[in-house]
PDB file of N, CA and C in Angstrom:
ATOM      1  N   MET A   1     -64.331 -11.329 105.711  1.00  0.00           N
ATOM      2  CA  MET A   1     -64.956 -11.567 104.677  1.00  0.00           C
ATOM      3  C   MET A   1     -64.712 -10.685 103.664  1.00  0.00           C
ATOM      4  N   LEU A   2     -64.706  -9.655 103.803  1.00  0.00           N
ATOM      5  CA  LEU A   2     -64.655  -8.443 102.409  1.00  0.00           C
ATOM      6  C   LEU A   2     -63.083  -8.552 102.326  1.00  0.00           C
ATOM      7  N   ASN A   3     -62.192  -8.628 103.360  1.00  0.00           N
ATOM      8  CA  ASN A   3     -60.606  -8.630 103.132  1.00  0.00           C
ATOM      9  C   ASN A   3     -60.574  -9.812 102.292  1.00  0.00           C
ATOM     10  N   ARG A   4     -60.864 -11.081 102.674  1.00  0.00           N
ATOM     11  CA  ARG A   4     -60.770 -12.253 101.635  1.00  0.00           C
ATOM     12  C   ARG A   4     -61.214 -12.054 100.377  1.00  0.00           C
ATOM     13  N   ILE A   5     -62.346 -11.291 100.071  1.00  0.00           N
ATOM     14  CA  ILE A   5     -62.588 -11.237  98.777  1.00  0.00           C
ATOM     15  C   ILE A   5     -61.941 -10.128  97.916  1.00  0.00           C
ATOM     16  N   LEU A   6     -61.438  -9.196  98.797  1.00  0.00           N
ATOM     17  CA  LEU A   6     -60.474  -8.215  98.138  1.00  0.00           C
ATOM     18  C   LEU A   6     -59.212  -9.012  97.767  1.00  0.00           C
ATOM     19  N   ARG A   7     -58.716  -9.748  98.395  1.00  0.00           N
ATOM     20  CA  ARG A   7     -57.318 -10.640  98.238  1.00  0.00           C
ATOM     21  C   ARG A   7     -57.583 -11.308  96.951  1.00  0.00           C
ATOM     22  N   THR A   8     -58.624 -12.052  97.142  1.00  0.00           N
ATOM     23  CA  THR A   8     -59.119 -12.999  96.154  1.00  0.00           C
ATOM     24  C   THR A   8     -59.028 -12.282  94.891  1.00  0.00           C
ATOM     25  N   GLY A   9     -59.692 -11.320  94.752  1.00  0.00           N
ATOM     26  CA  GLY A   9     -59.810 -10.158  93.389  1.00  0.00           C
ATOM     27  C   GLY A   9     -58.570  -9.827  92.916  1.00  0.00           C
ATOM     28  N   VAL A  10     -57.879  -9.211  93.666  1.00  0.00           N
ATOM     29  CA  VAL A  10     -56.529  -8.786  93.490  1.00  0.00           C
ATOM     30  C   VAL A  10     -55.509  -9.901  92.861  1.00  0.00           C
ATOM     31  N   ALA A  11     -55.637 -10.990  93.662  1.00  0.00           N
ATOM     32  CA  ALA A  11     -55.038 -12.176  92.935  1.00  0.00           C
ATOM     33  C   ALA A  11     -55.471 -12.850  91.827  1.00  0.00           C
ATOM     34  N   ALA A  12     -56.717 -12.741  91.490  1.00  0.00           N
ATOM     35  CA  ALA A  12     -57.208 -13.011  90.257  1.00  0.00           C
ATOM     36  C   ALA A  12     -56.849 -11.988  89.173  1.00  0.00           C
ATOM     37  N   ALA A  13     -56.907 -10.811  89.433  1.00  0.00           N
ATOM     38  CA  ALA A  13     -56.357  -9.768  88.570  1.00  0.00           C
ATOM     39  C   ALA A  13     -54.946  -9.891  88.287  1.00  0.00           C
ATOM     40  N   ALA A  14     -54.154 -10.302  89.242  1.00  0.00           N
ATOM     41  CA  ALA A  14     -52.675 -10.272  89.040  1.00  0.00           C
ATOM     42  C   ALA A  14     -52.547 -11.730  88.096  1.00  0.00           C
ATOM     43  N   ILE A  15     -52.994 -12.679  88.157  1.00  0.00           N
ATOM     44  CA  ILE A  15     -53.244 -13.981  87.539  1.00  0.00           C
ATOM     45  C   ILE A  15     -53.507 -13.594  85.912  1.00  0.00           C
ATOM     46  N   LEU A  16     -54.768 -12.864  85.922  1.00  0.00           N
ATOM     47  CA  LEU A  16     -55.045 -12.641  84.628  1.00  0.00           C
ATOM     48  C   LEU A  16     -54.213 -11.717  83.969  1.00  0.00           C
ATOM     49  N   SER A  17     -53.684 -10.647  84.482  1.00  0.00           N
ATOM     50  CA  SER A  17     -52.525  -9.798  83.815  1.00  0.00           C
ATOM     51  C   SER A  17     -51.537 -10.677  83.352  1.00  0.00           C
ATOM     52  N   ALA A  18     -51.004 -11.463  84.170  1.00  0.00           N
ATOM     53  CA  ALA A  18     -49.671 -12.291  83.725  1.00  0.00           C
ATOM     54  C   ALA A  18     -50.050 -13.351  82.826  1.00  0.00           C
ATOM     55  N   LEU A  19     -51.366 -13.648  82.692  1.00  0.00           N
ATOM     56  CA  LEU A  19     -51.725 -14.482  81.485  1.00  0.00           C
ATOM     57  C   LEU A  19     -51.988 -13.481  80.019  1.00  0.00           C
ATOM     58  N   ALA A  20     -52.409 -12.342  80.254  1.00  0.00           N
ATOM     59  CA  ALA A  20     -52.640 -11.689  79.250  1.00  0.00           C
ATOM     60  C   ALA A  20     -51.348 -10.809  78.575  1.00  0.00           C
ATOM     61  N   THR A  21     -50.594 -11.036  79.324  1.00  0.00           N
ATOM     62  CA  THR A  21     -48.932 -10.158  78.832  1.00  0.00           C
ATOM     63  C   THR A  21     -48.547 -10.611  77.698  1.00  0.00           C
ATOM     64  N   PRO A  22     -48.205 -12.217  77.912  1.00  0.00           N
ATOM     65  CA  PRO A  22     -47.548 -12.711  76.810  1.00  0.00           C
ATOM     66  C   PRO A  22     -48.456 -12.732  75.546  1.00  0.00           C
ATOM     67  N   VAL A  23     -49.605 -12.695  75.686  1.00  0.00           N
ATOM     68  CA  VAL A  23     -50.592 -12.631  74.278  1.00  0.00           C
ATOM     69  C   VAL A  23     -50.218 -11.330  73.690  1.00  0.00           C
ATOM     70  N   THR A  24     -50.337 -10.267  74.637  1.00  0.00           N
ATOM     71  CA  THR A  24     -50.189  -8.745  73.868  1.00  0.00           C
ATOM     72  C   THR A  24     -48.930  -8.704  73.592  1.00  0.00           C
ATOM     73  N   ALA A  25     -47.757  -9.352  74.334  1.00  0.00           N
ATOM     74  CA  ALA A  25     -46.266  -9.203  73.825  1.00  0.00           C
ATOM     75  C   ALA A  25     -45.984  -9.897  72.372  1.00  0.00           C
ATOM     76  N   ALA A  26     -46.811 -11.044  72.408  1.00  0.00           N
ATOM     77  CA  ALA A  26     -46.931 -11.777  70.867  1.00  0.00           C
ATOM     78  C   ALA A  26     -47.501 -11.021  69.941  1.00  0.00           C
ATOM     79  N   GLU A  27     -48.615 -10.398  70.015  1.00  0.00           N
ATOM     80  CA  GLU A  27     -49.188  -9.570  69.224  1.00  0.00           C
ATOM     81  C   GLU A  27     -48.231  -8.246  68.670  1.00  0.00           C
ATOM     82  N   SER A  28     -47.702  -7.875  69.737  1.00  0.00           N
ATOM     83  CA  SER A  28     -46.909  -6.619  69.375  1.00  0.00           C
ATOM     84  C   SER A  28     -45.946  -7.100  68.433  1.00  0.00           C
ATOM     85  N   GLU A  29     -45.187  -8.047  68.942  1.00  0.00           N
ATOM     86  CA  GLU A  29     -44.025  -8.822  68.040  1.00  0.00           C
ATOM     87  C   GLU A  29     -44.534  -9.015  66.749  1.00  0.00           C
ATOM     88  N   ARG A  30     -45.865  -9.492  66.617  1.00  0.00           N
ATOM     89  CA  ARG A  30     -46.088  -9.769  65.088  1.00  0.00           C
ATOM     90  C   ARG A  30     -46.551  -8.628  64.486  1.00  0.00           C
ATOM     91  N   GLU A  31     -46.885  -7.516  65.111  1.00  0.00           N
ATOM     92  CA  GLU A  31     -47.221  -6.301  64.515  1.00  0.00           C
ATOM     93  C   GLU A  31     -45.800  -5.452  64.200  1.00  0.00           C
ATOM     94  N   SER A  32     -44.948  -5.747  64.875  1.00  0.00           N
ATOM     95  CA  SER A  32     -43.589  -4.980  64.355  1.00  0.00           C
ATOM     96  C   SER A  32     -42.790  -5.525  63.175  1.00  0.00           C
ATOM     97  N   ALA A  33     -43.195  -7.222  63.237  1.00  0.00           N
ATOM     98  CA  ALA A  33     -42.526  -7.759  62.334  1.00  0.00           C
ATOM     99  C   ALA A  33     -43.132  -7.603  60.891  1.00  0.00           C
ATOM    100  N   SER A  34     -44.715  -7.259  60.916  1.00  0.00           N
ATOM    101  CA  SER A  34     -45.489  -6.869  59.460  1.00  0.00           C
ATOM    102  C   SER A  34     -45.070  -5.523  59.202  1.00  0.00           C
ATOM    103  N   VAL A  35     -44.558  -4.685  60.257  1.00  0.00           N
ATOM    104  CA  VAL A  35     -44.338  -3.260  59.952  1.00  0.00           C
ATOM    105  C   VAL A  35     -42.955  -3.380  59.333  1.00  0.00           C
ATOM    106  N   ALA A  36     -42.034  -4.205  59.844  1.00  0.00           N
ATOM    107  CA  ALA A  36     -40.568  -4.353  59.328  1.00  0.00           C
ATOM    108  C   ALA A  36     -40.798  -5.038  58.034  1.00  0.00           C
ATOM    109  N   LEU A  37     -41.455  -5.898  57.636  1.00  0.00           N
ATOM    110  CA  LEU A  37     -41.608  -6.429  56.430  1.00  0.00           C
ATOM    111  C   LEU A  37     -42.095  -5.412  55.333  1.00  0.00           C
ATOM    112  N   THR A  38     -42.838  -4.422  55.781  1.00  0.00           N
ATOM    113  CA  THR A  38     -43.597  -3.470  54.739  1.00  0.00           C
ATOM    114  C   THR A  38     -42.681  -2.124  54.486  1.00  0.00           C
ATOM    115  N   ASN A  39     -41.772  -2.263  55.565  1.00  0.00           N
ATOM    116  CA  ASN A  39     -40.484  -0.991  55.127  1.00  0.00           C
ATOM    117  C   ASN A  39     -39.524  -1.048  53.969  1.00  0.00           C
ATOM    118  N   PRO A  40     -39.892  -0.336  52.805  1.00  0.00           N
ATOM    119  CA  PRO A  40     -38.950  -0.501  51.854  1.00  0.00           C
ATOM    120  C   PRO A  40     -37.449  -0.319  52.264  1.00  0.00           C
ATOM    121  N   LEU A  41     -37.232   0.544  53.243  1.00  0.00           N
ATOM    122  CA  LEU A  41     -35.893   1.101  53.465  1.00  0.00           C
ATOM    123  C   LEU A  41     -35.265  -0.288  54.148  1.00  0.00           C
ATOM    124  N   LEU A  42     -35.655  -1.239  54.561  1.00  0.00           N
ATOM    125  CA  LEU A  42     -34.978  -2.523  55.118  1.00  0.00           C
ATOM    126  C   LEU A  42     -34.595  -3.038  54.069  1.00  0.00           C
ATOM    127  N   TYR A  43     -35.324  -3.284  52.799  1.00  0.00           N
ATOM    128  CA  TYR A  43     -34.821  -4.149  51.919  1.00  0.00           C
ATOM    129  C   TYR A  43     -33.578  -3.397  51.049  1.00  0.00           C
ATOM    130  N   ALA A  44     -33.570  -2.061  50.920  1.00  0.00           N
ATOM    131  CA  ALA A  44     -32.533  -1.420  50.455  1.00  0.00           C
ATOM    132  C   ALA A  44     -31.173  -1.704  51.333  1.00  0.00           C
ATOM    133  N   ILE A  45     -31.382  -1.630  52.457  1.00  0.00           N
ATOM    134  CA  ILE A  45     -30.209  -1.993  53.397  1.00  0.00           C
ATOM    135  C   ILE A  45     -29.866  -3.310  53.365  1.00  0.00           C
ATOM    136  N   ALA A  46     -30.553  -4.340  53.323  1.00  0.00           N
ATOM    137  CA  ALA A  46     -30.332  -5.665  52.926  1.00  0.00           C
ATOM    138  C   ALA A  46     -29.801  -5.897  51.792  1.00  0.00           C
ATOM    139  N   TRP A  47     -30.166  -5.195  50.646  1.00  0.00           N
ATOM    140  CA  TRP A  47     -29.579  -5.264  49.516  1.00  0.00           C
ATOM    141  C   TRP A  47     -28.088  -4.598  49.341  1.00  0.00           C
ATOM    142  N   ARG A  48     -27.878  -3.574  49.959  1.00  0.00           N
ATOM    143  CA  ARG A  48     -26.566  -2.884  50.106  1.00  0.00           C
ATOM    144  C   ARG A  48     -25.556  -3.820  50.784  1.00  0.00           C
ATOM    145  N   GLN A  49     -26.083  -4.453  51.823  1.00  0.00           N
ATOM    146  CA  GLN A  49     -24.972  -5.343  52.775  1.00  0.00           C
ATOM    147  C   GLN A  49     -24.796  -6.718  51.945  1.00  0.00           C
ATOM    148  N   THR A  50     -25.630  -7.289  51.052  1.00  0.00           N
ATOM    149  CA  THR A  50     -25.530  -8.414  50.549  1.00  0.00           C
ATOM    150  C   THR A  50     -25.086  -8.350  49.062  1.00  0.00           C
ATOM    151  N   ALA A  51     -25.471  -7.356  48.151  1.00  0.00           N
ATOM    152  CA  ALA A  51     -25.425  -7.553  46.870  1.00  0.00           C
ATOM    153  C   ALA A  51     -24.190  -7.343  46.269  1.00  0.00           C
ATOM    154  N   ALA A  52     -23.720  -8.460  45.491  1.00  0.00           N
ATOM    155  CA  ALA A  52     -22.454  -8.088  44.661  1.00  0.00           C
ATOM    156  C   ALA A  52     -22.476  -6.948  43.586  1.00  0.00           C
ATOM    157  N   GLU A  53     -23.517  -6.561  43.298  1.00  0.00           N
ATOM    158  CA  GLU A  53     -23.899  -5.572  42.130  1.00  0.00           C
ATOM    159  C   GLU A  53     -23.308  -4.162  43.170  1.00  0.00           C
ATOM    160  N   PHE A  54     -23.639  -4.163  44.366  1.00  0.00           N
ATOM    161  CA  PHE A  54     -23.282  -2.747  44.988  1.00  0.00           C
ATOM    162  C   PHE A  54     -22.053  -2.817  45.121  1.00  0.00           C
ATOM    163  N   ARG A  55     -21.067  -3.756  45.413  1.00  0.00           N
ATOM    164  CA  ARG A  55     -19.763  -3.689  45.669  1.00  0.00           C
ATOM    165  C   ARG A  55     -19.273  -3.366  44.192  1.00  0.00           C
ATOM    166  N   ALA A  56     -19.513  -4.147  43.128  1.00  0.00           N
ATOM    167  CA  ALA A  56     -19.099  -3.703  41.831  1.00  0.00           C
ATOM    168  C   ALA A  56     -19.303  -2.295  41.630  1.00  0.00           C
ATOM    169  N   LEU A  57     -20.484  -1.722  41.725  1.00  0.00           N
ATOM    170  CA  LEU A  57     -20.608  -0.334  41.401  1.00  0.00           C
ATOM    171  C   LEU A  57     -19.797   0.586  42.412  1.00  0.00           C
ATOM    172  N   TYR A  58     -19.647   0.471  43.448  1.00  0.00           N
ATOM    173  CA  TYR A  58     -18.610   1.005  44.484  1.00  0.00           C
ATOM    174  C   TYR A  58     -17.445   1.080  43.843  1.00  0.00           C
ATOM    175  N   TYR A  59     -16.900  -0.141  43.636  1.00  0.00           N
ATOM    176  CA  TYR A  59     -15.346  -0.083  42.723  1.00  0.00           C
ATOM    177  C   TYR A  59     -15.188   0.592  41.473  1.00  0.00           C
ATOM    178  N   GLN A  60     -16.642   0.487  40.801  1.00  0.00           N
ATOM    179  CA  GLN A  60     -16.447   1.097  39.506  1.00  0.00           C
ATOM    180  C   GLN A  60     -16.575   2.668  39.735  1.00  0.00           C
ATOM    181  N   GLY A  61     -17.255   3.152  40.684  1.00  0.00           N
ATOM    182  CA  GLY A  61     -17.458   4.545  40.877  1.00  0.00           C
ATOM    183  C   GLY A  61     -16.119   5.126  41.336  1.00  0.00           C
ATOM    184  N   PHE A  62     -15.208   4.192  42.197  1.00  0.00           N
ATOM    185  CA  PHE A  62     -14.113   4.879  42.617  1.00  0.00           C
ATOM    186  C   PHE A  62     -13.098   4.741  41.618  1.00  0.00           C
ATOM    187  N   ALA A  63     -12.696   3.649  40.619  1.00  0.00           N
ATOM    188  CA  ALA A  63     -12.011   3.624  39.768  1.00  0.00           C
ATOM    189  C   ALA A  63     -12.009   4.778  38.701  1.00  0.00           C
ATOM    190  N   LEU A  64     -13.430   5.357  38.490  1.00  0.00           N
ATOM    191  CA  LEU A  64     -13.483   6.322  37.630  1.00  0.00           C
ATOM    192  C   LEU A  64     -13.082   7.654  38.114  1.00  0.00           C
ATOM    193  N   ALA A  65     -13.476   7.756  39.429  1.00  0.00           N
ATOM    194  CA  ALA A  65     -12.960   9.159  40.110  1.00  0.00           C
ATOM    195  C   ALA A  65     -11.679   8.973  40.048  1.00  0.00           C
ATOM    196  N   GLN A  66     -10.521   7.888  40.397  1.00  0.00           N
ATOM    197  CA  GLN A  66      -9.147   8.036  40.329  1.00  0.00           C
ATOM    198  C   GLN A  66      -8.820   8.299  38.490  1.00  0.00           C
ATOM    199  N   LEU A  67      -9.562   7.686  37.801  1.00  0.00           N
ATOM    200  CA  LEU A  67      -9.256   8.260  36.464  1.00  0.00           C
ATOM    201  C   LEU A  67      -9.313   9.614  36.221  1.00  0.00           C
ATOM    202  N   ARG A  68     -10.422  10.079  36.548  1.00  0.00           N
ATOM    203  CA  ARG A  68     -10.761  11.562  36.346  1.00  0.00           C
ATOM    204  C   ARG A  68      -9.664  12.321  36.944  1.00  0.00           C
ATOM    205  N   VAL A  69      -9.185  12.013  38.352  1.00  0.00           N
ATOM    206  CA  VAL A  69      -8.208  12.768  39.132  1.00  0.00           C
ATOM    207  C   VAL A  69      -6.938  12.582  38.339  1.00  0.00           C
ATOM    208  N   GLU A  70      -6.604  11.489  37.988  1.00  0.00           N
ATOM    209  CA  GLU A  70      -5.255  11.349  37.214  1.00  0.00           C
ATOM    210  C   GLU A  70      -5.425  12.207  35.802  1.00  0.00           C
ATOM    211  N   GLN A  71      -6.365  12.181  35.250  1.00  0.00           N
ATOM    212  CA  GLN A  71      -6.705  13.146  33.805  1.00  0.00           C
ATOM    213  C   GLN A  71      -6.722  14.542  34.190  1.00  0.00           C
ATOM    214  N   ALA A  72      -7.129  15.033  35.360  1.00  0.00           N
ATOM    215  CA  ALA A  72      -7.218  16.447  35.672  1.00  0.00           C
ATOM    216  C   ALA A  72      -5.624  16.616  36.201  1.00  0.00           C
ATOM    217  N   LEU A  73      -4.762  15.692  37.117  1.00  0.00           N
ATOM    218  CA  LEU A  73      -3.455  16.218  37.181  1.00  0.00           C
ATOM    219  C   LEU A  73      -2.689  16.260  35.792  1.00  0.00           C
ATOM    220  N   ALA A  74      -2.807  15.134  35.032  1.00  0.00           N
ATOM    221  CA  ALA A  74      -2.011  15.316  33.902  1.00  0.00           C
ATOM    222  C   ALA A  74      -2.279  16.524  32.790  1.00  0.00           C
ATOM    223  N   ALA A  75      -3.562  16.837  32.942  1.00  0.00           N
ATOM    224  CA  ALA A  75      -4.009  18.332  32.051  1.00  0.00           C
ATOM    225  C   ALA A  75      -3.470  19.421  32.789  1.00  0.00           C
ATOM    226  N   ARG A  76      -3.393  19.498  34.282  1.00  0.00           N
ATOM    227  CA  ARG A  76      -2.834  20.694  35.036  1.00  0.00           C
ATOM    228  C   ARG A  76      -1.196  20.684  34.678  1.00  0.00           C
ATOM    229  N   GLU A  77      -0.734  19.407  34.471  1.00  0.00           N
ATOM    230  CA  GLU A  77       1.093  19.497  34.390  1.00  0.00           C
ATOM    231  C   GLU A  77       1.129  19.720  33.000  1.00  0.00           C
ATOM    232  N   ALA A  78       0.386  19.260  31.992  1.00  0.00           N
ATOM    233  CA  ALA A  78       0.452  19.908  30.503  1.00  0.00           C
ATOM    234  C   ALA A  78       0.339  21.394  30.425  1.00  0.00           C
ATOM    235  N   SER A  79      -0.612  21.795  30.938  1.00  0.00           N
ATOM    236  CA  SER A  79      -0.721  23.348  30.845  1.00  0.00           C
ATOM    237  C   SER A  79       0.461  23.803  31.539  1.00  0.00           C
ATOM    238  N   ALA A  80       0.886  23.701  32.734  1.00  0.00           N
ATOM    239  CA  ALA A  80       1.980  24.336  33.413  1.00  0.00           C
ATOM    240  C   ALA A  80       3.253  24.076  32.561  1.00  0.00           C
ATOM    241  N   SER A  81       3.297  23.075  31.883  1.00  0.00           N
ATOM    242  CA  SER A  81       4.888  22.822  31.023  1.00  0.00           C
ATOM    243  C   SER A  81       4.713  23.719  29.861  1.00  0.00           C
ATOM    244  N   GLU A  82       3.093  23.899  29.304  1.00  0.00           N
ATOM    245  CA  GLU A  82       3.059  24.715  28.342  1.00  0.00           C
ATOM    246  C   GLU A  82       3.321  25.947  28.513  1.00  0.00           C
ATOM    247  N   ARG A  83       2.964  26.640  29.662  1.00  0.00           N
ATOM    248  CA  ARG A  83       3.132  28.037  30.019  1.00  0.00           C
ATOM    249  C   ARG A  83       4.674  28.268  30.435  1.00  0.00           C
ATOM    250  N   TYR A  84       5.093  27.235  30.713  1.00  0.00           N
ATOM    251  CA  TYR A  84       6.960  27.445  31.044  1.00  0.00           C
ATOM    252  C   TYR A  84       7.458  27.313  29.514  1.00  0.00           C
ATOM    253  N   ALA A  85       7.172  26.660  28.697  1.00  0.00           N
ATOM    254  CA  ALA A  85       7.641  26.444  27.423  1.00  0.00           C
ATOM    255  C   ALA A  85       7.549  27.917  26.574  1.00  0.00           C
ATOM    256  N   SER A  86       6.179  28.604  26.969  1.00  0.00           N
ATOM    257  CA  SER A  86       5.852  29.627  26.357  1.00  0.00           C
ATOM    258  C   SER A  86       6.726  30.743  26.997  1.00  0.00           C
ATOM    259  N   ALA A  87       6.768  30.772  28.289  1.00  0.00           N
ATOM    260  CA  ALA A  87       7.691  31.891  28.900  1.00  0.00           C
ATOM    261  C   ALA A  87       9.183  31.888  28.498  1.00  0.00           C
ATOM    262  N   CYS A  88       9.629  30.642  28.528  1.00  0.00           N
ATOM    263  CA  CYS A  88      10.960  30.496  27.992  1.00  0.00           C
ATOM    264  C   CYS A  88      11.090  30.902  26.438  1.00  0.00           C
ATOM    265  N   SER A  89      10.125  30.799  25.840  1.00  0.00           N
ATOM    266  CA  SER A  89      10.331  31.233  24.144  1.00  0.00           C
ATOM    267  C   SER A  89      10.008  32.607  24.371  1.00  0.00           C
ATOM    268  N   ASN A  90       9.228  33.401  25.201  1.00  0.00           N
ATOM    269  CA  ASN A  90       9.217  34.737  25.068  1.00  0.00           C
ATOM    270  C   ASN A  90      10.427  35.464  25.460  1.00  0.00           C
ATOM    271  N   HIS A  91      11.216  34.949  26.521  1.00  0.00           N
ATOM    272  CA  HIS A  91      12.271  35.468  27.095  1.00  0.00           C
ATOM    273  C   HIS A  91      13.499  35.197  26.161  1.00  0.00           C
ATOM    274  N   ARG A  92      13.512  34.077  25.246  1.00  0.00           N
ATOM    275  CA  ARG A  92      14.664  34.117  24.315  1.00  0.00           C
ATOM    276  C   ARG A  92      14.435  35.059  23.147  1.00  0.00           C
ATOM    277  N   ARG A  93      13.269  35.496  22.881  1.00  0.00           N
ATOM    278  CA  ARG A  93      12.977  36.433  21.852  1.00  0.00           C
ATOM    279  C   ARG A  93      13.341  37.688  22.094  1.00  0.00           C
ATOM    280  N   ARG A  94      13.724  38.015  23.477  1.00  0.00           N
ATOM    281  CA  ARG A  94      13.984  39.524  23.671  1.00  0.00           C
ATOM    282  C   ARG A  94      15.505  39.668  23.336  1.00  0.00           C
TER     283      ARG A  94
END
């Protein structure tokens, strides 16, 4: 008789735990969803992945960097040619 009660109790506990698991899983999913909605980093990532403004800013920044590199190279070449011309004129004076 005691064996039967123990088996029935174990079976009832197994059934209750099986029934309670989906409820707790659903609750944890709801909690994780609410945490996800309150995380501002997710909004930033979503904006970065979908916004046309981000793409435009990216290309604008790249174009500006390319312009600055070209200006720096042009200034470098100009100063090198000035130094060369100066050296040549100093050599001719001698």
